[in-house]
C-alpha atoms as a PDB file:
ATOM      1  CA  MET A   1      10.793 -17.073 -41.585  1.00  0.00           C
ATOM      2  CA  GLU A   2      14.441 -16.184 -42.026  1.00  0.00           C
ATOM      3  CA  LEU A   3      13.930 -12.215 -40.631  1.00  0.00           C
ATOM      4  CA  ILE A   4      12.683 -14.295 -37.102  1.00  0.00           C
ATOM      5  CA  GLN A   5      15.128 -16.756 -37.188  1.00  0.00           C
ATOM      6  CA  LYS A   6      18.166 -14.447 -37.564  1.00  0.00           C
ATOM      7  CA  GLU A   7      15.680 -12.225 -34.427  1.00  0.00           C
ATOM      8  CA  ILE A   8      15.473 -15.415 -31.940  1.00  0.00           C
ATOM      9  CA  PRO A   9      19.017 -16.123 -30.320  1.00  0.00           C
ATOM     10  CA  MET A  10      20.286 -19.673 -29.881  1.00  0.00           C
ATOM     11  CA  GLU A  11      19.745 -20.174 -26.160  1.00  0.00           C
ATOM     12  CA  HIS A  12      18.621 -17.526 -23.234  1.00  0.00           C
ATOM     13  CA  GLU A  13      19.858 -17.566 -19.840  1.00  0.00           C
ATOM     14  CA  THR A  14      17.794 -20.041 -18.503  1.00  0.00           C
ATOM     15  CA  ASN A  15      18.102 -23.059 -21.807  1.00  0.00           C
ATOM     16  CA  GLU A  16      14.904 -20.711 -22.999  1.00  0.00           C
ATOM     17  CA  LYS A  17      14.190 -19.543 -25.820  1.00  0.00           C
ATOM     18  CA  MET A  18      13.409 -15.721 -26.450  1.00  0.00           C
ATOM     19  CA  TRP A  19      10.860 -15.089 -29.272  1.00  0.00           C
ATOM     20  CA  ILE A  20      12.262 -10.960 -29.924  1.00  0.00           C
ATOM     21  CA  TYR A  21      10.850  -9.828 -33.245  1.00  0.00           C
ATOM     22  CA  LYS A  22      11.993  -5.980 -32.965  1.00  0.00           C
ATOM     23  CA  ASP A  23      10.771  -4.645 -36.378  1.00  0.00           C
ATOM     24  CA  ASN A  24       7.216  -6.528 -37.045  1.00  0.00           C
ATOM     25  CA  LYS A  25       5.062  -6.618 -33.616  1.00  0.00           C
ATOM     26  CA  GLU A  26       2.525  -7.746 -35.413  1.00  0.00           C
ATOM     27  CA  LEU A  27       3.968 -11.255 -36.665  1.00  0.00           C
ATOM     28  CA  PHE A  28       4.923 -10.848 -33.123  1.00  0.00           C
ATOM     29  CA  ASN A  29       1.825 -11.040 -31.756  1.00  0.00           C
ATOM     30  CA  LYS A  30       0.369 -13.754 -34.350  1.00  0.00           C
ATOM     31  CA  PHE A  31       2.803 -16.685 -33.047  1.00  0.00           C
ATOM     32  CA  SER A  32       3.651 -15.765 -29.775  1.00  0.00           C
ATOM     33  CA  GLN A  33       1.046 -16.918 -26.911  1.00  0.00           C
ATOM     34  CA  ILE A  34       0.915 -13.638 -25.040  1.00  0.00           C
ATOM     35  CA  PRO A  35       1.010 -10.030 -27.461  1.00  0.00           C
ATOM     36  CA  ILE A  36       3.401  -7.422 -26.201  1.00  0.00           C
ATOM     37  CA  GLU A  37       1.029  -5.044 -25.648  1.00  0.00           C
ATOM     38  CA  GLU A  38      -0.637  -7.190 -22.584  1.00  0.00           C
ATOM     39  CA  ILE A  39       2.610  -8.288 -21.380  1.00  0.00           C
ATOM     40  CA  LYS A  40       3.387  -4.872 -20.283  1.00  0.00           C
ATOM     41  CA  SER A  41      -0.446  -3.807 -18.448  1.00  0.00           C
ATOM     42  CA  LYS A  42       0.318  -7.334 -16.341  1.00  0.00           C
ATOM     43  CA  SER A  43       3.863  -6.017 -15.479  1.00  0.00           C
ATOM     44  CA  SER A  44       2.575  -2.860 -14.234  1.00  0.00           C
ATOM     45  CA  ILE A  45      -0.784  -5.065 -12.561  1.00  0.00           C
ATOM     46  CA  LEU A  46       2.348  -6.610 -10.277  1.00  0.00           C
ATOM     47  CA  ILE A  47       3.795  -3.638  -9.266  1.00  0.00           C
ATOM     48  CA  THR A  48       0.771  -2.603  -7.721  1.00  0.00           C
ATOM     49  CA  SER A  49      -0.156  -5.267  -6.086  1.00  0.00           C
ATOM     50  CA  ILE A  50       2.761  -5.642  -4.339  1.00  0.00           C
ATOM     51  CA  GLN A  51       3.281  -2.141  -3.293  1.00  0.00           C
ATOM     52  CA  PRO A  52       0.285  -2.318  -0.079  1.00  0.00           C
ATOM     53  CA  LYS A  53       2.544  -5.508   0.963  1.00  0.00           C
ATOM     54  CA  LEU A  54       5.770  -3.922   1.832  1.00  0.00           C
ATOM     55  CA  GLN A  55       4.033  -1.081   3.353  1.00  0.00           C
ATOM     56  CA  SER A  56       1.824  -3.234   6.124  1.00  0.00           C
ATOM     57  CA  GLN A  57       4.288  -5.333   7.537  1.00  0.00           C
ATOM     58  CA  THR A  58       5.402  -2.874  10.723  1.00  0.00           C
ATOM     59  CA  LYS A  59       2.948  -4.104  13.761  1.00  0.00           C
ATOM     60  CA  ILE A  60       2.766  -3.357  17.102  1.00  0.00           C
ATOM     61  CA  LYS A  61       2.704  -6.131  19.988  1.00  0.00           C
ATOM     62  CA  LYS A  62       0.495  -4.996  23.257  1.00  0.00           C
ATOM     63  CA  GLU A  63       1.289  -5.926  26.563  1.00  0.00           C
ATOM     64  CA  THR A  64      -0.975  -8.586  28.013  1.00  0.00           C
ATOM     65  CA  PRO A  65      -2.072  -8.221  31.165  1.00  0.00           C
ATOM     66  CA  LEU A  66       0.534 -10.282  32.951  1.00  0.00           C
ATOM     67  CA  GLU A  67       3.242  -8.267  31.527  1.00  0.00           C
ATOM     68  CA  LEU A  68       1.750  -5.287  32.479  1.00  0.00           C
ATOM     69  CA  ILE A  69       0.683  -6.347  36.081  1.00  0.00           C
ATOM     70  CA  ILE A  70       4.436  -7.625  36.196  1.00  0.00           C
ATOM     71  CA  LYS A  71       5.876  -4.859  34.771  1.00  0.00           C
ATOM     72  CA  TYR A  72       3.695  -1.738  37.278  1.00  0.00           C
ATOM     73  CA  THR A  73       3.775  -4.873  40.951  1.00  0.00           C
ATOM     74  CA  SER A  74       8.519  -4.584  40.038  1.00  0.00           C
ATOM     75  CA  THR A  75       7.654  -8.771  39.940  1.00  0.00           C
ATOM     76  CA  THR A  76       9.939 -10.896  38.092  1.00  0.00           C
ATOM     77  CA  ASP A  77       8.846 -12.431  34.924  1.00  0.00           C
ATOM     78  CA  LYS A  78       9.923 -15.996  36.603  1.00  0.00           C
ATOM     79  CA  MET A  79       6.244 -15.230  38.838  1.00  0.00           C
ATOM     80  CA  LYS A  80       4.189 -14.951  36.078  1.00  0.00           C
ATOM     81  CA  GLN A  81       2.387 -18.215  36.568  1.00  0.00           C
ATOM     82  CA  GLU A  82       2.360 -17.797  40.133  1.00  0.00           C
ATOM     83  CA  ILE A  83       0.786 -14.464  39.630  1.00  0.00           C
ATOM     84  CA  LYS A  84      -1.949 -16.264  37.419  1.00  0.00           C
ATOM     85  CA  ASN A  85      -2.767 -18.037  39.475  1.00  0.00           C
ATOM     86  CA  ARG A  86      -2.732 -16.316  42.408  1.00  0.00           C
ATOM     87  CA  LEU A  87      -5.193 -14.038  40.804  1.00  0.00           C
ATOM     88  CA  ILE A  88      -7.300 -16.609  39.822  1.00  0.00           C
ATOM     89  CA  GLU A  89      -7.800 -17.846  42.948  1.00  0.00           C
ATOM     90  CA  PHE A  90      -8.540 -14.116  44.408  1.00  0.00           C
ATOM     91  CA  ILE A  91     -10.869 -13.789  42.141  1.00  0.00           C
ATOM     92  CA  GLY A  92     -13.112 -17.041  42.925  1.00  0.00           C
ATOM     93  CA  ILE A  93     -13.930 -15.361  46.430  1.00  0.00           C
ATOM     94  CA  PRO A  94     -17.044 -14.227  47.053  1.00  0.00           C
ATOM     95  CA  GLU A  95     -16.524 -10.198  47.674  1.00  0.00           C
ATOM     96  CA  PHE A  96     -15.096 -10.143  44.734  1.00  0.00           C
ATOM     97  CA  ALA A  97     -18.103 -11.498  42.532  1.00  0.00           C
ATOM     98  CA  LYS A  98     -19.976  -9.433  44.538  1.00  0.00           C
ATOM     99  CA  ALA A  99     -17.905  -6.261  43.624  1.00  0.00           C
ATOM    100  CA  PHE A 100     -17.691  -7.561  40.174  1.00  0.00           C
ATOM    101  CA  GLY A 101     -20.963  -9.370  39.070  1.00  0.00           C
ATOM    102  CA  VAL A 102     -20.504 -13.289  37.683  1.00  0.00           C
ATOM    103  CA  LYS A 103     -20.503 -12.200  34.125  1.00  0.00           C
ATOM    104  CA  LYS A 104     -17.019  -9.342  34.275  1.00  0.00           C
ATOM    105  CA  SER A 105     -15.433 -12.534  37.506  1.00  0.00           C
ATOM    106  CA  ALA A 106     -15.747 -15.250  34.209  1.00  0.00           C
ATOM    107  CA  GLU A 107     -14.819 -12.441  31.869  1.00  0.00           C
ATOM    108  CA  VAL A 108     -11.430 -11.915  34.052  1.00  0.00           C
ATOM    109  CA  VAL A 109     -10.640 -15.692  34.977  1.00  0.00           C
ATOM    110  CA  SER A 110     -11.336 -16.194  30.926  1.00  0.00           C
ATOM    111  CA  ALA A 111      -9.359 -13.032  29.437  1.00  0.00           C
ATOM    112  CA  ILE A 112      -6.430 -13.647  32.243  1.00  0.00           C
ATOM    113  CA  THR A 113      -5.832 -18.007  32.275  1.00  0.00           C
ATOM    114  CA  ARG A 114      -5.780 -16.996  27.983  1.00  0.00           C
ATOM    115  CA  ASP A 115      -3.366 -13.861  29.017  1.00  0.00           C
ATOM    116  CA  THR A 116      -5.558 -12.009  26.402  1.00  0.00           C
ATOM    117  CA  TRP A 117      -7.461  -8.461  27.129  1.00  0.00           C
ATOM    118  CA  ASN A 118     -11.058  -7.321  27.132  1.00  0.00           C
ATOM    119  CA  GLN A 119     -12.943  -4.768  28.815  1.00  0.00           C
ATOM    120  CA  SER A 120     -13.800  -6.344  31.859  1.00  0.00           C
ATOM    121  CA  THR A 121      -9.905  -6.567  32.110  1.00  0.00           C
ATOM    122  CA  ALA A 122      -8.891  -3.689  32.212  1.00  0.00           C
ATOM    123  CA  LEU A 123     -11.311  -2.623  34.402  1.00  0.00           C
ATOM    124  CA  PHE A 124     -10.008  -4.652  36.805  1.00  0.00           C
ATOM    125  CA  ILE A 125      -6.827  -4.476  36.240  1.00  0.00           C
ATOM    126  CA  SER A 126      -7.966  -0.410  36.894  1.00  0.00           C
ATOM    127  CA  PHE A 127      -8.979  -2.416  40.099  1.00  0.00           C
ATOM    128  CA  LEU A 128      -5.586  -3.905  41.097  1.00  0.00           C
ATOM    129  CA  LEU A 129      -3.090  -1.439  40.237  1.00  0.00           C
ATOM    130  CA  ASP A 130      -5.388   2.087  41.546  1.00  0.00           C
ATOM    131  CA  SER A 131      -4.993   3.395  37.486  1.00  0.00           C
ATOM    132  CA  ASN A 132      -6.819   4.821  35.008  1.00  0.00           C
ATOM    133  CA  ILE A 133      -6.248   2.502  32.001  1.00  0.00           C
ATOM    134  CA  VAL A 134      -7.142   3.450  28.919  1.00  0.00           C
ATOM    135  CA  TYR A 135      -8.052   0.918  26.136  1.00  0.00           C
ATOM    136  CA  LYS A 136      -9.535   0.679  22.875  1.00  0.00           C
ATOM    137  CA  GLU A 137     -10.386   4.779  23.265  1.00  0.00           C
ATOM    138  CA  LYS A 138     -11.571   4.356  25.915  1.00  0.00           C
ATOM    139  CA  SER A 139     -11.084   5.354  29.557  1.00  0.00           C
ATOM    140  CA  TYR A 140     -11.757   2.582  32.090  1.00  0.00           C
ATOM    141  CA  LEU A 141     -11.235   3.557  35.827  1.00  0.00           C
ATOM    142  CA  PHE A 142     -12.661   1.025  38.567  1.00  0.00           C
ATOM    143  CA  ASN A 143     -11.995   4.113  41.595  1.00  0.00           C
ATOM    144  CA  LYS A 144     -13.071   7.526  40.493  1.00  0.00           C
ATOM    145  CA  ASN A 145     -11.324   8.920  43.610  1.00  0.00           C
ATOM    146  CA  LYS A 146      -8.011   7.412  43.381  1.00  0.00           C
ATOM    147  CA  ASN A 147      -6.647   8.398  40.174  1.00  0.00           C
ATOM    148  CA  THR A 148      -2.836   8.495  40.696  1.00  0.00           C
ATOM    149  CA  LYS A 149      -1.360   7.165  37.542  1.00  0.00           C
ATOM    150  CA  GLU A 150      -2.594   6.771  33.148  1.00  0.00           C
ATOM    151  CA  ILE A 151      -1.452   3.512  31.641  1.00  0.00           C
ATOM    152  CA  ILE A 152      -2.216   3.545  27.940  1.00  0.00           C
ATOM    153  CA  LEU A 153      -2.664   0.668  26.158  1.00  0.00           C
ATOM    154  CA  GLY A 154      -1.468   0.220  22.799  1.00  0.00           C
END
């Protein structure tokens, strides 16, 4: 017991007592709650579990449908709400529902109000901007005769 008391520091940096016994590891393992071998194996597990989190921190922000329309129509962000209202009015016209169908029209309206992407929105923006829209590695083109430019969404 005297050997153990000589090796134990009186106080550690965090004011906790430490059990360090260098000469006899079996004695240390007997009187401590965690054996030395388990401490070493746990520390290596913690290091491997932290590394994947550090690698996946970079995320690319996608452009929303309204931001894309504002960008390619040379308007400002101040008109975003007005553009949204005008697009919903335009989609509500009966001729639009005849061209796109009722289901696609409803999907486009819900996507524009939530400002998110879906396949119908990609097709609608292709119609609106007369361009080829690549969304989720699939090309959406409304009028195949008027393909002037290509827009790739991340």
